Amino acid sequence: MKRYLNTLLMACTLCFSSLSLASIIALPADGNVSDSVVGDSGWTNEDTFGDALDFVTFDVSTDSLFSVNSSALINLGLSVYQGTVVNDFGIPFANGSDFSDLFSNLSYVAGNNPFVPGIGGTLTDILLTAGSYTLAVGGNEGFFDIFTDYAYNLSVTLDEVPVSAPGTIFILMLGLIGIFTTRKRV
């Protein structure tokens, strides 16, 4: 039964994929993204149809503090997920919880409050571990404008979390002590 349901879901996804135009954007090296979304409430309404949402993908190589600021004529809703969106075929998006795009599962990390429209557009100092991430961007106004194209600019920063030298030396010393004690036993 599950096999038939998955086959039906994939067939529907392919049939309706032409309706979905959500953009998947790779984060540039300078951390600045300029694009647009259609409608003022795509993120609030969890709408992946008609370019109401954009997905910005990026990789983190070491533990880092993630911050993003946006500027637009509307308030933008922002959500960060661990994992990478692979396709945008009208996926069932969730602005405040985990979701799947048929090929990968994305785990919710942090985001704006979806129950307070009109507020948002900024996330600061979110601790991300090494891995791949996706940032969802869309309108957070709560009105019903679904036709207007709204340009936005995002400024994303990733600051590495420093590891203290005394802690590193302590861990190194514990490792060396462990090696010497196991060597004496053998």
C-alpha atoms as a PDB file:
ATOM      1  CA  MET A   1       0.000   0.000   0.000  1.00  0.00           C
ATOM      2  CA  LYS A   2       2.814   2.382   0.886  1.00  0.00           C
ATOM      3  CA  ARG A   3       4.477   1.682  -2.477  1.00  0.00           C
ATOM      4  CA  TYR A   4       1.287   2.637  -4.336  1.00  0.00           C
ATOM      5  CA  LEU A   5       0.874   5.781  -2.269  1.00  0.00           C
ATOM      6  CA  ASN A   6       4.469   6.858  -2.962  1.00  0.00           C
ATOM      7  CA  THR A   7       4.021   6.154  -6.694  1.00  0.00           C
ATOM      8  CA  LEU A   8       0.802   8.180  -6.743  1.00  0.00           C
ATOM      9  CA  LEU A   9       2.457  11.020  -4.834  1.00  0.00           C
ATOM     10  CA  MET A  10       5.402  11.129  -7.249  1.00  0.00           C
ATOM     11  CA  ALA A  11       3.069  11.052 -10.272  1.00  0.00           C
ATOM     12  CA  CYS A  12       1.033  13.950  -8.855  1.00  0.00           C
ATOM     13  CA  THR A  13       4.229  15.832  -8.088  1.00  0.00           C
ATOM     14  CA  LEU A  14       5.429  15.490 -11.669  1.00  0.00           C
ATOM     15  CA  CYS A  15       2.020  16.464 -13.071  1.00  0.00           C
ATOM     16  CA  PHE A  16       1.759  19.621 -10.988  1.00  0.00           C
ATOM     17  CA  SER A  17       5.440  20.572 -11.083  1.00  0.00           C
ATOM     18  CA  SER A  18       4.823  23.153 -13.794  1.00  0.00           C
ATOM     19  CA  LEU A  19       2.738  25.150 -11.303  1.00  0.00           C
ATOM     20  CA  SER A  20       5.600  25.412  -8.855  1.00  0.00           C
ATOM     21  CA  LEU A  21       8.254  28.017  -9.409  1.00  0.00           C
ATOM     22  CA  ALA A  22       9.857  28.317  -5.974  1.00  0.00           C
ATOM     23  CA  SER A  23      13.496  29.177  -6.506  1.00  0.00           C
ATOM     24  CA  ILE A  24      16.397  27.167  -5.129  1.00  0.00           C
ATOM     25  CA  ILE A  25      19.370  29.516  -4.792  1.00  0.00           C
ATOM     26  CA  ALA A  26      22.919  28.598  -3.777  1.00  0.00           C
ATOM     27  CA  LEU A  27      24.312  31.117  -1.287  1.00  0.00           C
ATOM     28  CA  PRO A  28      27.073  33.174  -2.973  1.00  0.00           C
ATOM     29  CA  ALA A  29      30.475  33.487  -1.296  1.00  0.00           C
ATOM     30  CA  ASP A  30      29.837  37.110  -0.258  1.00  0.00           C
ATOM     31  CA  GLY A  31      26.642  36.105   1.587  1.00  0.00           C
ATOM     32  CA  ASN A  32      24.369  38.539  -0.272  1.00  0.00           C
ATOM     33  CA  VAL A  33      21.273  37.350  -2.116  1.00  0.00           C
ATOM     34  CA  SER A  34      18.978  39.532  -4.225  1.00  0.00           C
ATOM     35  CA  ASP A  35      15.817  38.009  -5.658  1.00  0.00           C
ATOM     36  CA  SER A  36      12.056  38.376  -5.413  1.00  0.00           C
ATOM     37  CA  VAL A  37       8.973  36.544  -4.211  1.00  0.00           C
ATOM     38  CA  VAL A  38       5.437  36.793  -5.554  1.00  0.00           C
ATOM     39  CA  GLY A  39       2.846  37.682  -2.941  1.00  0.00           C
ATOM     40  CA  ASP A  40       3.147  39.093   0.536  1.00  0.00           C
ATOM     41  CA  SER A  41       2.313  35.956   2.546  1.00  0.00           C
ATOM     42  CA  GLY A  42       3.933  32.942   0.883  1.00  0.00           C
ATOM     43  CA  TRP A  43       5.977  32.009   3.950  1.00  0.00           C
ATOM     44  CA  THR A  44       3.074  32.599   6.349  1.00  0.00           C
ATOM     45  CA  ASN A  45       0.693  30.516   4.224  1.00  0.00           C
ATOM     46  CA  GLU A  46       3.353  27.840   3.516  1.00  0.00           C
ATOM     47  CA  ASP A  47       2.776  28.341  -0.218  1.00  0.00           C
ATOM     48  CA  THR A  48       5.340  26.809  -2.601  1.00  0.00           C
ATOM     49  CA  PHE A  49       3.313  27.525  -5.743  1.00  0.00           C
ATOM     50  CA  GLY A  50       3.904  30.535  -7.995  1.00  0.00           C
ATOM     51  CA  ASP A  51       7.325  31.654  -6.683  1.00  0.00           C
ATOM     52  CA  ALA A  52       5.922  32.653  -3.283  1.00  0.00           C
ATOM     53  CA  LEU A  53       8.970  31.126  -1.530  1.00  0.00           C
ATOM     54  CA  ASP A  54      12.682  30.969  -2.196  1.00  0.00           C
ATOM     55  CA  PHE A  55      15.061  28.400  -0.753  1.00  0.00           C
ATOM     56  CA  VAL A  56      18.684  29.433  -0.189  1.00  0.00           C
ATOM     57  CA  THR A  57      21.054  26.489   0.272  1.00  0.00           C
ATOM     58  CA  PHE A  58      24.458  26.675   1.951  1.00  0.00           C
ATOM     59  CA  ASP A  59      27.087  24.536   3.662  1.00  0.00           C
ATOM     60  CA  VAL A  60      28.730  25.048   7.044  1.00  0.00           C
ATOM     61  CA  SER A  61      32.221  23.569   7.461  1.00  0.00           C
ATOM     62  CA  THR A  62      32.658  24.106  11.232  1.00  0.00           C
ATOM     63  CA  ASP A  63      30.402  25.104  14.112  1.00  0.00           C
ATOM     64  CA  SER A  64      29.243  28.626  13.282  1.00  0.00           C
ATOM     65  CA  LEU A  65      26.876  31.360  14.380  1.00  0.00           C
ATOM     66  CA  PHE A  66      24.376  32.095  11.602  1.00  0.00           C
ATOM     67  CA  SER A  67      22.750  35.499  11.167  1.00  0.00           C
ATOM     68  CA  VAL A  68      20.582  36.878   8.370  1.00  0.00           C
ATOM     69  CA  ASN A  69      19.095  40.339   7.785  1.00  0.00           C
ATOM     70  CA  SER A  70      16.608  41.182   5.064  1.00  0.00           C
ATOM     71  CA  SER A  71      15.422  44.340   3.408  1.00  0.00           C
ATOM     72  CA  ALA A  72      12.226  44.451   1.347  1.00  0.00           C
ATOM     73  CA  LEU A  73       8.985  46.394   1.004  1.00  0.00           C
ATOM     74  CA  ILE A  74       7.285  43.637   2.997  1.00  0.00           C
ATOM     75  CA  ASN A  75       8.257  41.731   6.115  1.00  0.00           C
ATOM     76  CA  LEU A  76       9.879  38.445   5.239  1.00  0.00           C
ATOM     77  CA  GLY A  77       9.506  35.204   7.137  1.00  0.00           C
ATOM     78  CA  LEU A  78      12.720  33.211   7.541  1.00  0.00           C
ATOM     79  CA  SER A  79      13.219  29.570   8.556  1.00  0.00           C
ATOM     80  CA  VAL A  80      16.463  27.566   8.749  1.00  0.00           C
ATOM     81  CA  TYR A  81      16.491  23.800   8.151  1.00  0.00           C
ATOM     82  CA  GLN A  82      19.241  21.224   8.409  1.00  0.00           C
ATOM     83  CA  GLY A  83      19.404  19.458   5.049  1.00  0.00           C
ATOM     84  CA  THR A  84      19.194  20.612   1.458  1.00  0.00           C
ATOM     85  CA  VAL A  85      16.074  21.065  -0.645  1.00  0.00           C
ATOM     86  CA  VAL A  86      16.590  19.021  -3.801  1.00  0.00           C
ATOM     87  CA  ASN A  87      13.489  19.969  -5.785  1.00  0.00           C
ATOM     88  CA  ASP A  88      10.727  22.547  -5.678  1.00  0.00           C
ATOM     89  CA  PHE A  89       7.889  20.521  -7.184  1.00  0.00           C
ATOM     90  CA  GLY A  90       5.114  21.942  -5.021  1.00  0.00           C
ATOM     91  CA  ILE A  91       6.527  20.409  -1.871  1.00  0.00           C
ATOM     92  CA  PRO A  92       4.480  20.429   1.342  1.00  0.00           C
ATOM     93  CA  PHE A  93       6.455  23.182   3.090  1.00  0.00           C
ATOM     94  CA  ALA A  94       6.209  23.851   6.857  1.00  0.00           C
ATOM     95  CA  ASN A  95       7.453  27.215   8.149  1.00  0.00           C
ATOM     96  CA  GLY A  96       7.880  26.095  11.762  1.00  0.00           C
ATOM     97  CA  SER A  97       8.580  22.361  11.670  1.00  0.00           C
ATOM     98  CA  ASP A  98      10.315  19.580   9.734  1.00  0.00           C
ATOM     99  CA  PHE A  99       9.300  18.824   6.141  1.00  0.00           C
ATOM    100  CA  SER A 100      10.277  16.623   3.201  1.00  0.00           C
ATOM    101  CA  ASP A 101      10.664  17.247  -0.528  1.00  0.00           C
ATOM    102  CA  LEU A 102      10.346  13.557  -1.556  1.00  0.00           C
ATOM    103  CA  PHE A 103      14.116  13.173  -1.900  1.00  0.00           C
ATOM    104  CA  SER A 104      15.385  14.561   1.407  1.00  0.00           C
ATOM    105  CA  ASN A 105      14.097  15.277   4.899  1.00  0.00           C
ATOM    106  CA  LEU A 106      14.742  18.703   6.357  1.00  0.00           C
ATOM    107  CA  SER A 107      14.879  19.293  10.118  1.00  0.00           C
ATOM    108  CA  TYR A 108      13.702  22.632  11.486  1.00  0.00           C
ATOM    109  CA  VAL A 109      16.454  24.539  13.315  1.00  0.00           C
ATOM    110  CA  ALA A 110      15.073  28.036  13.926  1.00  0.00           C
ATOM    111  CA  GLY A 111      12.922  30.728  12.362  1.00  0.00           C
ATOM    112  CA  ASN A 112      10.526  33.593  12.808  1.00  0.00           C
ATOM    113  CA  ASN A 113       7.240  33.024  14.614  1.00  0.00           C
ATOM    114  CA  PRO A 114       4.673  31.986  11.981  1.00  0.00           C
ATOM    115  CA  PHE A 115       1.774  32.953  14.253  1.00  0.00           C
ATOM    116  CA  VAL A 116       2.764  36.628  14.317  1.00  0.00           C
ATOM    117  CA  PRO A 117       2.476  37.957  10.746  1.00  0.00           C
ATOM    118  CA  GLY A 118       4.105  41.291   9.994  1.00  0.00           C
ATOM    119  CA  ILE A 119       7.141  40.632  12.176  1.00  0.00           C
ATOM    120  CA  GLY A 120      10.335  38.980  11.079  1.00  0.00           C
ATOM    121  CA  GLY A 121      13.033  39.349   8.504  1.00  0.00           C
ATOM    122  CA  THR A 122      15.940  38.865  10.903  1.00  0.00           C
ATOM    123  CA  LEU A 123      17.582  35.890  12.587  1.00  0.00           C
ATOM    124  CA  THR A 124      20.674  36.351  14.758  1.00  0.00           C
ATOM    125  CA  ASP A 125      23.304  34.104  16.337  1.00  0.00           C
ATOM    126  CA  ILE A 126      21.835  30.690  15.591  1.00  0.00           C
ATOM    127  CA  LEU A 127      24.383  27.972  16.339  1.00  0.00           C
ATOM    128  CA  LEU A 128      24.800  25.626  13.363  1.00  0.00           C
ATOM    129  CA  THR A 129      26.996  22.530  13.370  1.00  0.00           C
ATOM    130  CA  ALA A 130      28.892  21.399  10.281  1.00  0.00           C
ATOM    131  CA  GLY A 131      26.569  20.267   7.492  1.00  0.00           C
ATOM    132  CA  SER A 132      24.204  21.404   4.748  1.00  0.00           C
ATOM    133  CA  TYR A 133      21.374  23.838   5.406  1.00  0.00           C
ATOM    134  CA  THR A 134      18.430  25.509   3.680  1.00  0.00           C
ATOM    135  CA  LEU A 135      17.014  28.957   4.422  1.00  0.00           C
ATOM    136  CA  ALA A 136      13.348  29.459   3.445  1.00  0.00           C
ATOM    137  CA  VAL A 137      12.366  33.036   2.517  1.00  0.00           C
ATOM    138  CA  GLY A 138       8.890  34.377   1.777  1.00  0.00           C
ATOM    139  CA  GLY A 139       6.340  37.039   2.634  1.00  0.00           C
ATOM    140  CA  ASN A 140       5.125  37.303   6.235  1.00  0.00           C
ATOM    141  CA  GLU A 141       2.482  40.032   6.014  1.00  0.00           C
ATOM    142  CA  GLY A 142      -0.708  38.024   6.488  1.00  0.00           C
ATOM    143  CA  PHE A 143      -2.628  39.853   3.749  1.00  0.00           C
ATOM    144  CA  PHE A 144      -3.955  38.319   0.555  1.00  0.00           C
ATOM    145  CA  ASP A 145      -1.803  39.876  -2.179  1.00  0.00           C
ATOM    146  CA  ILE A 146      -0.766  36.890  -4.281  1.00  0.00           C
ATOM    147  CA  PHE A 147       0.155  38.691  -7.514  1.00  0.00           C
ATOM    148  CA  THR A 148       2.663  41.446  -6.690  1.00  0.00           C
ATOM    149  CA  ASP A 149       6.365  40.772  -7.169  1.00  0.00           C
ATOM    150  CA  TYR A 150       8.397  41.912  -4.130  1.00  0.00           C
ATOM    151  CA  ALA A 151      12.173  42.286  -4.467  1.00  0.00           C
ATOM    152  CA  TYR A 152      14.335  41.582  -1.440  1.00  0.00           C
ATOM    153  CA  ASN A 153      17.975  41.589  -0.362  1.00  0.00           C
ATOM    154  CA  LEU A 154      19.434  39.169   2.179  1.00  0.00           C
ATOM    155  CA  SER A 155      22.713  39.569   3.999  1.00  0.00           C
ATOM    156  CA  VAL A 156      23.891  36.272   5.493  1.00  0.00           C
ATOM    157  CA  THR A 157      26.863  35.925   7.848  1.00  0.00           C
ATOM    158  CA  LEU A 158      28.479  32.791   9.238  1.00  0.00           C
ATOM    159  CA  ASP A 159      30.931  33.420  12.082  1.00  0.00           C
ATOM    160  CA  GLU A 160      32.998  30.463  13.242  1.00  0.00           C
ATOM    161  CA  VAL A 161      32.669  29.616  16.919  1.00  0.00           C
ATOM    162  CA  PRO A 162      36.147  29.777  18.463  1.00  0.00           C
ATOM    163  CA  VAL A 163      37.392  26.773  20.422  1.00  0.00           C
ATOM    164  CA  SER A 164      39.223  27.771  23.571  1.00  0.00           C
ATOM    165  CA  ALA A 165      42.910  26.819  23.674  1.00  0.00           C
ATOM    166  CA  PRO A 166      42.867  25.574  27.300  1.00  0.00           C
ATOM    167  CA  GLY A 167      39.993  23.212  26.520  1.00  0.00           C
ATOM    168  CA  THR A 168      41.788  21.859  23.465  1.00  0.00           C
ATOM    169  CA  ILE A 169      45.005  21.289  25.413  1.00  0.00           C
ATOM    170  CA  PHE A 170      43.061  19.552  28.204  1.00  0.00           C
ATOM    171  CA  ILE A 171      41.434  17.155  25.723  1.00  0.00           C
ATOM    172  CA  LEU A 172      44.816  16.466  24.105  1.00  0.00           C
ATOM    173  CA  MET A 173      46.355  15.677  27.509  1.00  0.00           C
ATOM    174  CA  LEU A 174      43.499  13.310  28.392  1.00  0.00           C
ATOM    175  CA  GLY A 175      44.001  11.494  25.090  1.00  0.00           C
ATOM    176  CA  LEU A 176      47.745  11.108  25.689  1.00  0.00           C
ATOM    177  CA  ILE A 177      47.173   9.825  29.226  1.00  0.00           C
ATOM    178  CA  GLY A 178      44.686   7.294  27.841  1.00  0.00           C
ATOM    179  CA  ILE A 179      47.186   6.078  25.250  1.00  0.00           C
ATOM    180  CA  PHE A 180      49.961   5.634  27.831  1.00  0.00           C
ATOM    181  CA  THR A 181      47.751   3.785  30.332  1.00  0.00           C
ATOM    182  CA  THR A 182      46.481   1.338  27.714  1.00  0.00           C
ATOM    183  CA  ARG A 183      50.033   0.771  26.476  1.00  0.00           C
ATOM    184  CA  LYS A 184      51.242  -0.209  29.968  1.00  0.00           C
ATOM    185  CA  ARG A 185      48.399  -2.741  30.322  1.00  0.00           C
ATOM    186  CA  VAL A 186      49.251  -4.520  27.073  1.00  0.00           C
END
